[in-house]
Protein backbone atom coordinates (compact mmCIF):
# COMPACT_ATOMS: atom_id res chain seq x y z
CA UNK A 1 107.76 95.82 92.90
CA UNK A 2 105.15 98.17 95.58
CA UNK A 3 104.19 101.12 93.76
CA UNK A 4 102.44 104.02 95.46
CA UNK A 5 99.18 104.19 93.90
CA UNK A 6 96.21 103.41 95.94
CA UNK A 7 95.34 99.56 95.84
CA UNK A 8 91.56 98.99 93.88
CA UNK A 9 90.19 96.12 93.07
CA UNK A 10 89.99 97.67 89.53
CA UNK A 11 93.98 97.16 88.65
CA UNK A 12 95.15 94.90 86.08
CA UNK A 13 98.70 94.35 85.14
CA UNK A 14 101.00 92.62 82.77
CA UNK A 15 104.83 92.05 82.38
CA UNK A 16 105.63 91.70 79.09
CA UNK A 17 102.11 91.19 78.10
CA UNK A 18 101.34 88.23 80.30
CA UNK A 19 98.87 89.12 83.21
CA UNK A 20 100.40 89.70 86.05
CA UNK A 21 98.44 89.12 90.05
CA UNK A 22 97.80 92.39 91.54
CA UNK A 23 98.01 92.92 95.60
CA UNK A 24 97.08 95.15 98.15
CA UNK A 25 100.69 95.92 100.00
CA UNK A 26 101.54 98.34 102.79
CA UNK A 27 97.87 98.21 103.47
CA UNK A 28 97.17 101.35 100.93
CA UNK A 29 99.52 100.51 98.33
CA UNK A 30 99.71 98.76 94.65
CA UNK A 31 102.32 95.69 94.37
CA UNK A 32 102.13 93.57 91.67
CA UNK A 33 103.79 90.04 92.21
CA UNK A 34 106.84 88.16 90.94
CA UNK A 35 108.36 91.03 89.43
CA UNK A 36 110.94 89.58 87.44
CA UNK A 37 114.71 91.17 86.52
CA UNK A 38 114.59 91.29 83.12
CA UNK A 39 111.19 92.39 82.76
CA UNK A 40 111.26 94.51 79.45
CA UNK A 41 107.85 96.00 80.50
CA UNK A 42 105.35 96.45 82.79
CA UNK A 43 102.02 97.69 82.41
CA UNK A 44 99.21 99.21 84.62
CA UNK A 45 95.57 99.55 84.02
CA UNK A 46 92.97 100.66 85.95
CA UNK A 47 89.58 99.47 84.35
CA UNK A 48 86.96 100.68 86.43
CA UNK A 49 84.35 97.51 86.07
CA UNK A 50 82.78 98.51 89.28
CA UNK A 51 82.08 101.76 88.33
CA UNK A 52 80.18 101.18 85.68
CA UNK A 53 77.73 98.57 88.42
CA UNK A 54 77.00 101.59 90.86
CA UNK A 55 76.26 103.75 87.77
CA UNK A 56 73.41 101.23 86.74
CA UNK A 57 72.48 101.13 91.05
CA UNK A 58 72.70 105.18 90.59
CA UNK A 59 69.71 105.49 87.79
CA UNK A 60 68.05 102.26 89.35
CA UNK A 61 67.92 104.72 92.70
CA UNK A 62 66.70 108.08 90.71
CA UNK A 63 64.24 106.22 88.95
CA UNK A 64 62.96 104.69 92.00
CA UNK A 65 62.85 108.36 93.98
CA UNK A 66 61.29 109.79 90.56
CA UNK A 67 58.39 106.70 91.06
CA UNK A 68 57.61 108.51 94.56
CA UNK A 69 57.80 111.81 94.01
CA UNK A 70 56.67 112.56 90.52
CA UNK A 71 53.33 110.93 91.24
CA UNK A 72 51.97 113.32 93.77
CA UNK A 73 54.05 116.44 92.53
CA UNK A 74 51.96 115.38 89.11
CA UNK A 75 48.13 114.46 91.28
CA UNK A 76 48.43 118.03 93.10
CA UNK A 77 49.14 120.22 89.87
CA UNK A 78 46.07 118.19 88.20
CA UNK A 79 43.63 118.65 91.25
CA UNK A 80 44.85 122.77 91.33
CA UNK A 81 44.83 123.43 87.61
């Protein structure tokens, strides 16, 4: 079954409550493999696991940047103050 939705690594699918394989189809779309004709219910879920990892990286980057910016600003204010 080809679905008109962008494929992303974090897509999960179930068919009648059982996990189904999600693949990339037509270069960028979502495909659920081996969907039987008698399937009663198919569900898609986007579990943003990698986005959470990205947020952790962003916070770490901000902490490092603050480490480079805050000490010189603090020192400059201390000297002029």
